[in-house]
Amino acid sequence: MYEMSYKPKKVVGKRMGKNILVALLLSTFIHANEMKLHTKQPTSDSILLTGTVVSDGQQMIGSRFMGYVKKVFVKIGDKVKREDDLYELESAEFDMMKMQADLMLEQSKTMVEFWRDKLKRINTKKALLRDRYRNDNKINFMDMADLDAEAANVETMLHSMQIMVKESNIKAKQLASTYNYIKMKAPSDGVVVRRNIKVGDMVMPGMLTIMLVDMSSLEIDVSIPESIIARVHEGQKVSVTIPSINYKTKGVIHAIVPDANPMTHKIKMRIRFDKGNENIFPGMYAKISI
């Protein structure tokens, strides 16, 4: 009888303990929900994107004329300044053409001076002839007619030579401009990232010879899906990270343009940032947080 009365009390005690534990847990859960309702929890709403560092100042230098490479003054990785020599072509043929153009220009100028002096002498003769016959109240019309005809012919020749001078001057300037391309110079500051020529190579018009990249004008090229286009705009500040060198900075969206491929449904976005003194180069991987 003693054992039968003890077992029910033990079961009841266990049940009461479970009920108390459940009540405590329920009370804790309700209290936590109430705290959430009265406390504003911060939410993370940022978008993480990936991009590539590119240069906004890429110069692709090509040859305008055919010729053999005489000298190459730079190699890959060299830093150049504007007007620094890059390479030079053989100039023997161009030297001859330039000399011919300069000689033609000088000859044309000499002929202009010759016919101008001759016209001046004819006009002087005409003035003397008028003075000579003015005192006698008569003029030899035959002499005057001959001088007028000669003056007209001289004026025609003078005009022709003046036209030739203009044409020769244009030709000389064209060849001078052509001669400048014999020794190619850097159009801007930059770093040589590609060199397709060496001494002795034959270059053709339009052939890419050297590529320069302006390291002072770097940007980040990002492709974004059209689903988030409403959340970005020009002038918006973003966080920029270059993971390879653990560099973090702020950037500004300065251009949003459609991608060249309409099938990808992507939008191109360009971000400007300050690289400071860090060794950041085109092609590096970048992370963007918007």
Protein backbone atom coordinates (compact mmCIF):
# COMPACT_ATOMS: atom_id res chain seq x y z
CA MET A 1 0.00 0.00 0.00
CA TYR A 2 2.91 2.33 0.69
CA GLU A 3 4.41 1.84 -2.79
CA MET A 4 1.07 2.41 -4.53
CA SER A 5 0.56 5.75 -2.79
CA TYR A 6 4.14 6.98 -3.51
CA LYS A 7 4.30 6.46 -7.29
CA PRO A 8 1.39 8.75 -8.22
CA LYS A 9 2.93 11.57 -6.20
CA LYS A 10 6.20 11.19 -8.11
CA VAL A 11 4.46 11.35 -11.51
CA VAL A 12 2.52 14.39 -10.49
CA GLY A 13 5.73 16.11 -9.38
CA LYS A 14 7.40 15.49 -12.76
CA ARG A 15 4.39 16.84 -14.60
CA MET A 16 4.36 19.96 -12.51
CA GLY A 17 8.09 20.51 -13.18
CA LYS A 18 7.54 20.25 -16.95
CA ASN A 19 4.65 22.67 -16.79
CA ILE A 20 6.74 25.16 -14.85
CA LEU A 21 9.59 24.87 -17.41
CA VAL A 22 7.21 25.38 -20.35
CA ALA A 23 5.68 28.40 -18.57
CA LEU A 24 9.15 29.89 -18.03
CA LEU A 25 10.12 29.38 -21.66
CA LEU A 26 6.82 30.86 -22.88
CA SER A 27 7.30 33.85 -20.60
CA THR A 28 10.83 34.40 -21.92
CA PHE A 29 9.63 34.18 -25.55
CA ILE A 30 6.78 36.65 -24.93
CA HIS A 31 9.17 39.03 -23.16
CA ALA A 32 11.64 38.88 -26.06
CA ASN A 33 8.89 39.62 -28.59
CA GLU A 34 7.76 42.58 -26.54
CA MET A 35 11.33 43.90 -26.45
CA LYS A 36 11.55 43.58 -30.25
CA LEU A 37 8.33 45.50 -30.65
CA HIS A 38 9.61 48.33 -28.49
CA THR A 39 13.19 48.33 -29.88
CA LYS A 40 14.07 49.21 -33.53
CA GLN A 41 16.53 46.69 -34.92
CA PRO A 42 18.91 47.93 -37.66
CA THR A 43 18.55 46.10 -40.99
CA SER A 44 21.27 45.52 -43.54
CA ASP A 45 20.10 46.87 -46.92
CA SER A 46 23.39 47.16 -48.83
CA ILE A 47 24.13 45.61 -52.23
CA LEU A 48 27.50 44.00 -52.93
CA LEU A 49 28.82 44.13 -56.49
CA THR A 50 32.07 43.21 -58.20
CA GLY A 51 33.95 45.21 -60.80
CA THR A 52 37.24 45.71 -62.58
CA VAL A 53 39.67 48.61 -62.42
CA VAL A 54 40.04 50.26 -65.84
CA SER A 55 41.80 53.34 -67.17
CA ASP A 56 39.83 56.26 -68.56
CA GLY A 57 42.92 57.44 -70.48
CA GLN A 58 43.95 54.61 -72.77
CA GLN A 59 45.95 55.65 -75.85
CA MET A 60 46.22 53.24 -78.79
CA ILE A 61 49.01 54.57 -81.02
CA GLY A 62 49.04 53.41 -84.62
CA SER A 63 51.21 54.13 -87.62
CA ARG A 64 49.94 56.43 -90.36
CA PHE A 65 52.58 55.47 -92.92
CA MET A 66 54.44 52.43 -94.15
CA GLY A 67 58.09 52.06 -93.25
CA TYR A 68 60.76 50.20 -91.33
CA VAL A 69 61.28 50.78 -87.62
CA LYS A 70 64.63 52.49 -87.10
CA LYS A 71 64.62 52.96 -83.31
CA VAL A 72 62.37 52.06 -80.37
CA PHE A 73 62.85 54.22 -77.30
CA VAL A 74 60.50 52.51 -74.81
CA LYS A 75 59.74 49.08 -73.41
CA ILE A 76 56.73 47.60 -71.59
CA GLY A 77 56.30 49.12 -68.15
CA ASP A 78 58.09 52.40 -68.92
CA LYS A 79 56.49 55.60 -67.67
CA VAL A 80 56.48 58.33 -70.31
CA LYS A 81 55.62 62.01 -70.36
CA ARG A 82 53.79 63.92 -73.07
CA GLU A 83 56.03 64.54 -76.13
CA ASP A 84 58.52 61.82 -75.15
CA ASP A 85 59.88 59.87 -78.13
CA LEU A 86 58.36 56.42 -78.57
CA TYR A 87 59.82 55.11 -81.84
CA GLU A 88 61.28 56.31 -85.14
CA LEU A 89 60.91 55.09 -88.74
CA GLU A 90 63.49 55.13 -91.51
CA SER A 91 63.35 58.64 -92.96
CA ALA A 92 65.48 58.55 -96.15
CA GLU A 93 62.46 58.58 -98.49
CA PHE A 94 60.65 61.17 -96.41
CA ASP A 95 63.77 63.34 -96.29
CA MET A 96 63.87 63.40 -100.09
CA MET A 97 60.17 64.27 -100.36
CA LYS A 98 60.53 67.04 -97.80
CA MET A 99 63.57 68.48 -99.59
CA GLN A 100 61.68 68.51 -102.89
CA ALA A 101 58.71 70.28 -101.32
CA ASP A 102 60.94 72.88 -99.64
CA LEU A 103 62.85 73.47 -102.90
CA MET A 104 59.62 73.95 -104.86
CA LEU A 105 58.42 76.46 -102.30
CA GLU A 106 61.65 78.46 -102.47
CA GLN A 107 61.61 78.47 -106.29
CA SER A 108 58.01 79.68 -106.33
CA LYS A 109 58.84 82.51 -103.95
CA THR A 110 61.81 83.49 -106.13
CA MET A 111 59.63 83.60 -109.25
CA VAL A 112 57.05 85.74 -107.44
CA GLU A 113 59.76 88.28 -106.56
CA PHE A 114 61.03 88.20 -110.17
CA TRP A 115 57.65 88.97 -111.75
CA ARG A 116 56.84 91.52 -109.05
CA ASP A 117 60.07 93.43 -109.82
CA LYS A 118 59.40 93.22 -113.55
CA LEU A 119 55.90 94.64 -113.11
CA LYS A 120 57.35 97.43 -111.01
CA ARG A 121 59.83 98.32 -113.82
CA ILE A 122 57.07 98.34 -116.42
CA ASN A 123 54.94 100.67 -114.29
CA THR A 124 57.97 102.95 -113.88
CA LYS A 125 58.44 103.05 -117.67
CA LYS A 126 54.78 103.94 -118.14
CA ALA A 127 55.09 106.80 -115.65
CA LEU A 128 58.21 108.14 -117.41
CA LEU A 129 56.50 107.89 -120.79
CA ARG A 130 53.57 109.95 -119.56
CA ASP A 131 55.88 112.59 -118.10
CA ARG A 132 57.92 112.76 -121.32
CA TYR A 133 54.97 113.41 -123.58
CA ARG A 134 52.99 115.53 -121.14
CA ASN A 135 55.22 118.54 -121.84
CA ASP A 136 54.61 118.24 -125.59
CA ASN A 137 50.85 117.69 -125.06
CA LYS A 138 51.01 114.43 -126.91
CA ILE A 139 51.43 110.74 -126.04
CA ASN A 140 52.77 107.94 -128.18
CA PHE A 141 49.83 105.59 -127.92
CA MET A 142 51.69 102.72 -129.57
CA ASP A 143 54.41 102.74 -126.90
CA MET A 144 51.84 103.01 -124.15
CA ALA A 145 49.79 100.13 -125.60
CA ASP A 146 52.87 97.90 -125.74
CA LEU A 147 53.67 98.66 -122.11
CA ASP A 148 50.07 97.97 -121.05
CA ALA A 149 50.09 94.61 -122.84
CA GLU A 150 53.43 93.70 -121.28
CA ALA A 151 52.18 94.74 -117.81
CA ALA A 152 49.07 92.58 -118.25
CA ASN A 153 51.19 89.54 -119.15
CA VAL A 154 53.47 90.14 -116.18
CA GLU A 155 50.51 90.46 -113.81
CA THR A 156 49.16 87.13 -115.08
CA MET A 157 52.50 85.43 -114.45
CA LEU A 158 52.75 87.04 -111.03
CA HIS A 159 49.29 85.78 -110.10
CA SER A 160 50.17 82.26 -111.30
CA MET A 161 53.36 82.25 -109.24
CA GLN A 162 51.48 83.44 -106.15
CA ILE A 163 49.07 80.51 -106.54
CA MET A 164 52.04 78.17 -106.92
CA VAL A 165 53.53 79.55 -103.70
CA LYS A 166 50.31 78.80 -101.82
CA GLU A 167 50.16 75.27 -103.21
CA SER A 168 53.84 74.66 -102.47
CA ASN A 169 53.37 75.99 -98.95
CA ILE A 170 50.46 73.61 -98.35
CA LYS A 171 52.51 70.70 -99.72
CA ALA A 172 55.48 71.62 -97.51
CA LYS A 173 53.23 71.77 -94.42
CA GLN A 174 51.71 68.40 -95.25
CA LEU A 175 55.12 66.83 -95.56
CA ALA A 176 56.26 68.55 -92.39
CA SER A 177 53.29 67.02 -90.61
CA THR A 178 54.09 63.66 -92.18
CA TYR A 179 57.69 64.03 -91.12
CA ASN A 180 56.54 64.49 -87.51
CA TYR A 181 55.01 61.00 -87.64
CA ILE A 182 58.37 59.51 -88.58
CA LYS A 183 59.40 60.01 -84.95
CA MET A 184 56.28 59.18 -82.96
CA LYS A 185 55.86 61.00 -79.66
CA ALA A 186 53.66 60.22 -76.66
CA PRO A 187 50.33 62.11 -76.90
CA SER A 188 49.95 62.14 -73.09
CA ASP A 189 51.48 60.91 -69.86
CA GLY A 190 51.12 57.20 -69.21
CA VAL A 191 52.63 53.75 -68.85
CA VAL A 192 53.55 51.51 -71.79
CA VAL A 193 51.40 48.38 -71.42
CA ARG A 194 51.82 47.01 -74.94
CA ARG A 195 54.53 47.21 -77.60
CA ASN A 196 54.05 45.45 -80.93
CA ILE A 197 57.19 46.62 -82.73
CA LYS A 198 60.95 46.18 -82.61
CA VAL A 199 63.85 47.50 -84.66
CA GLY A 200 63.67 46.32 -88.27
CA ASP A 201 59.93 45.60 -88.31
CA MET A 202 57.81 46.82 -91.20
CA VAL A 203 54.81 48.82 -90.03
CA MET A 204 51.72 49.42 -92.12
CA PRO A 205 49.19 52.30 -91.98
CA GLY A 206 46.68 51.70 -89.17
CA MET A 207 48.82 49.09 -87.43
CA LEU A 208 48.75 49.26 -83.61
CA THR A 209 52.32 49.89 -82.47
CA ILE A 210 52.19 51.00 -78.80
CA MET A 211 49.46 51.23 -76.15
CA LEU A 212 49.66 53.71 -73.28
CA VAL A 213 47.54 53.76 -70.13
CA ASP A 214 47.06 56.86 -68.00
CA MET A 215 47.53 55.60 -64.43
CA SER A 216 46.30 58.87 -62.93
CA SER A 217 42.77 58.40 -64.30
CA LEU A 218 41.52 55.06 -63.00
CA GLU A 219 37.89 54.02 -62.70
CA ILE A 220 35.93 50.90 -61.76
CA ASP A 221 33.75 49.26 -64.39
CA VAL A 222 30.74 47.44 -62.92
CA SER A 223 27.90 45.52 -64.55
CA ILE A 224 24.67 45.71 -62.57
CA PRO A 225 21.36 43.88 -63.15
CA GLU A 226 18.43 45.96 -64.28
CA SER A 227 16.52 44.93 -61.15
CA ILE A 228 18.54 47.37 -59.02
CA ILE A 229 18.77 50.25 -61.50
CA ALA A 230 16.23 52.21 -59.45
CA ARG A 231 18.58 52.16 -56.47
CA VAL A 232 21.59 53.79 -58.16
CA HIS A 233 22.06 57.23 -59.69
CA GLU A 234 24.86 59.47 -60.90
CA GLY A 235 26.65 61.29 -58.11
CA GLN A 236 25.84 58.57 -55.57
CA LYS A 237 28.65 57.70 -53.14
CA VAL A 238 29.63 54.05 -52.74
CA SER A 239 32.20 52.04 -50.77
CA VAL A 240 35.13 50.67 -52.79
CA THR A 241 37.43 47.83 -51.77
CA ILE A 242 40.46 46.43 -53.59
CA PRO A 243 40.85 43.04 -51.84
CA SER A 244 44.31 42.20 -53.23
CA ILE A 245 45.93 45.12 -51.39
CA ASN A 246 43.25 45.49 -48.69
CA TYR A 247 42.56 49.06 -49.80
CA LYS A 248 39.26 50.73 -48.91
CA THR A 249 38.00 54.12 -50.04
CA LYS A 250 34.92 55.98 -51.21
CA GLY A 251 33.87 56.34 -54.83
CA VAL A 252 31.27 58.26 -56.82
CA ILE A 253 29.07 56.91 -59.63
CA HIS A 254 29.69 59.23 -62.59
CA ALA A 255 28.14 57.29 -65.49
CA ILE A 256 25.34 54.76 -66.01
CA VAL A 257 25.07 53.46 -69.58
CA PRO A 258 23.41 50.48 -71.32
CA ASP A 259 25.57 47.45 -71.98
CA ALA A 260 26.57 46.74 -75.58
CA ASN A 261 24.91 43.32 -75.40
CA PRO A 262 21.11 43.68 -74.91
CA MET A 263 20.74 39.92 -74.26
CA THR A 264 22.53 40.14 -70.90
CA HIS A 265 20.09 42.69 -69.44
CA LYS A 266 23.02 44.36 -67.73
CA ILE A 267 23.74 48.03 -67.15
CA LYS A 268 27.28 49.41 -67.19
CA MET A 269 28.27 51.67 -64.34
CA ARG A 270 31.50 53.67 -63.99
CA ILE A 271 32.79 54.67 -60.57
CA ARG A 272 35.50 57.24 -59.96
CA PHE A 273 37.73 56.88 -56.91
CA ASP A 274 40.97 58.23 -55.50
CA LYS A 275 43.75 55.65 -55.59
CA GLY A 276 46.06 57.81 -53.52
CA ASN A 277 49.62 56.45 -53.53
CA GLU A 278 48.56 52.82 -53.74
CA ASN A 279 49.81 50.49 -56.48
CA ILE A 280 46.47 50.03 -58.22
CA PHE A 281 46.54 48.96 -61.86
CA PRO A 282 43.95 48.33 -64.59
CA GLY A 283 42.55 44.80 -64.47
CA MET A 284 42.51 44.52 -60.67
CA TYR A 285 39.46 43.04 -58.94
CA ALA A 286 37.25 45.43 -56.95
CA LYS A 287 34.23 45.14 -54.65
CA ILE A 288 31.48 47.76 -54.48
CA SER A 289 29.02 48.25 -51.64
CA ILE A 290 25.91 50.33 -52.38
